[in-house]
C-alpha atoms as a PDB file:
ATOM      1  CA  MET A   1    -134.805-101.832 129.514  1.00  0.00           C
ATOM      2  CA  ARG A   2    -132.778 -98.912 130.797  1.00  0.00           C
ATOM      3  CA  VAL A   3    -134.609 -95.589 130.989  1.00  0.00           C
ATOM      4  CA  VAL A   4    -133.193 -92.123 131.656  1.00  0.00           C
ATOM      5  CA  ALA A   5    -135.794 -89.522 132.606  1.00  0.00           C
ATOM      6  CA  GLU A   6    -134.903 -86.096 131.259  1.00  0.00           C
ATOM      7  CA  GLY A   7    -136.203 -82.722 132.371  1.00  0.00           C
ATOM      8  CA  VAL A   8    -136.802 -83.577 136.044  1.00  0.00           C
ATOM      9  CA  GLU A   9    -137.457 -80.213 137.694  1.00  0.00           C
ATOM     10  CA  THR A  10    -139.328 -80.934 140.949  1.00  0.00           C
ATOM     11  CA  ALA A  11    -139.173 -83.235 143.958  1.00  0.00           C
ATOM     12  CA  GLU A  12    -142.617 -84.530 143.017  1.00  0.00           C
ATOM     13  CA  GLN A  13    -141.427 -85.589 139.564  1.00  0.00           C
ATOM     14  CA  TYR A  14    -138.356 -87.250 141.054  1.00  0.00           C
ATOM     15  CA  SER A  15    -140.464 -89.076 143.642  1.00  0.00           C
ATOM     16  CA  LEU A  16    -142.841 -90.391 140.980  1.00  0.00           C
ATOM     17  CA  LEU A  17    -139.913 -91.664 138.928  1.00  0.00           C
ATOM     18  CA  GLN A  18    -138.564 -93.493 141.984  1.00  0.00           C
ATOM     19  CA  GLN A  19    -141.976 -95.108 142.525  1.00  0.00           C
ATOM     20  CA  TYR A  20    -141.808 -96.416 138.960  1.00  0.00           C
ATOM     21  CA  ARG A  21    -138.241 -97.611 139.605  1.00  0.00           C
ATOM     22  CA  CYS A  22    -136.649 -95.308 137.062  1.00  0.00           C
ATOM     23  CA  GLU A  23    -132.969 -95.677 137.901  1.00  0.00           C
ATOM     24  CA  GLU A  24    -131.561 -92.611 136.161  1.00  0.00           C
ATOM     25  CA  ALA A  25    -132.701 -89.029 135.797  1.00  0.00           C
ATOM     26  CA  GLN A  26    -131.365 -85.670 134.807  1.00  0.00           C
ATOM     27  CA  GLY A  27    -132.711 -82.176 135.072  1.00  0.00           C
ATOM     28  CA  PHE A  28    -132.589 -78.939 137.048  1.00  0.00           C
ATOM     29  CA  TYR A  29    -133.892 -80.688 140.194  1.00  0.00           C
ATOM     30  CA  ILE A  30    -130.686 -82.689 140.308  1.00  0.00           C
ATOM     31  CA  SER A  31    -128.317 -79.999 139.038  1.00  0.00           C
ATOM     32  CA  HIS A  32    -128.095 -77.117 136.637  1.00  0.00           C
ATOM     33  CA  PRO A  33    -125.551 -77.520 133.816  1.00  0.00           C
ATOM     34  CA  LEU A  34    -122.011 -77.445 135.216  1.00  0.00           C
ATOM     35  CA  PRO A  35    -118.534 -77.037 133.744  1.00  0.00           C
ATOM     36  CA  ALA A  36    -116.432 -80.219 133.959  1.00  0.00           C
ATOM     37  CA  GLU A  37    -114.461 -79.163 137.058  1.00  0.00           C
ATOM     38  CA  ALA A  38    -117.614 -78.214 138.978  1.00  0.00           C
ATOM     39  CA  LEU A  39    -119.244 -81.495 137.956  1.00  0.00           C
ATOM     40  CA  ALA A  40    -116.277 -83.443 139.327  1.00  0.00           C
ATOM     41  CA  GLU A  41    -116.625 -81.602 142.651  1.00  0.00           C
ATOM     42  CA  TRP A  42    -120.409 -82.235 142.665  1.00  0.00           C
ATOM     43  CA  TRP A  43    -119.773 -85.989 142.348  1.00  0.00           C
ATOM     44  CA  ARG A  44    -116.994 -85.965 144.968  1.00  0.00           C
ATOM     45  CA  GLU A  45    -119.357 -84.374 147.504  1.00  0.00           C
ATOM     46  CA  ARG A  46    -122.084 -86.931 146.852  1.00  0.00           C
ATOM     47  CA  LEU A  47    -119.734 -89.906 146.998  1.00  0.00           C
ATOM     48  CA  GLU A  48    -118.279 -88.613 150.262  1.00  0.00           C
ATOM     49  CA  PHE A  49    -121.782 -88.191 151.685  1.00  0.00           C
ATOM     50  CA  ALA A  50    -122.782 -91.699 150.541  1.00  0.00           C
ATOM     51  CA  SER A  51    -119.762 -93.217 152.289  1.00  0.00           C
ATOM     52  CA  LEU A  52    -120.602 -91.295 155.471  1.00  0.00           C
ATOM     53  CA  ILE A  53    -124.130 -92.712 155.367  1.00  0.00           C
ATOM     54  CA  LYS A  54    -122.769 -96.243 154.967  1.00  0.00           C
ATOM     55  CA  ALA A  55    -120.499 -95.621 157.958  1.00  0.00           C
ATOM     56  CA  GLY A  56    -123.454 -94.231 159.938  1.00  0.00           C
ATOM     57  CA  ALA A  57    -121.756 -90.858 160.424  1.00  0.00           C
ATOM     58  CA  ALA A  58    -124.001 -88.614 158.344  1.00  0.00           C
ATOM     59  CA  ALA A  59    -126.952 -88.053 160.677  1.00  0.00           C
ATOM     60  CA  ASP A  60    -126.020 -84.411 161.216  1.00  0.00           C
ATOM     61  CA  ARG A  61    -125.523 -83.810 157.467  1.00  0.00           C
ATOM     62  CA  LEU A  62    -128.838 -85.190 156.196  1.00  0.00           C
ATOM     63  CA  SER A  63    -129.819 -82.743 153.502  1.00  0.00           C
ATOM     64  CA  LEU A  64    -129.875 -82.627 149.749  1.00  0.00           C
ATOM     65  CA  VAL A  65    -126.249 -81.823 148.991  1.00  0.00           C
END
């Protein structure tokens, strides 16, 4: 079963969902509503950060982007 948690507004809620292995979530904790162009930039930043982590080069950038 695939579950998407909606209305996630706090780190505590997000953490609980991770403990229950909920793989997808949406809500203000993750991002406020964005226009399409801003959403594309939001994803670009996260994908760039993820590739830096894989390369081991993100130690100085560890923060919620």
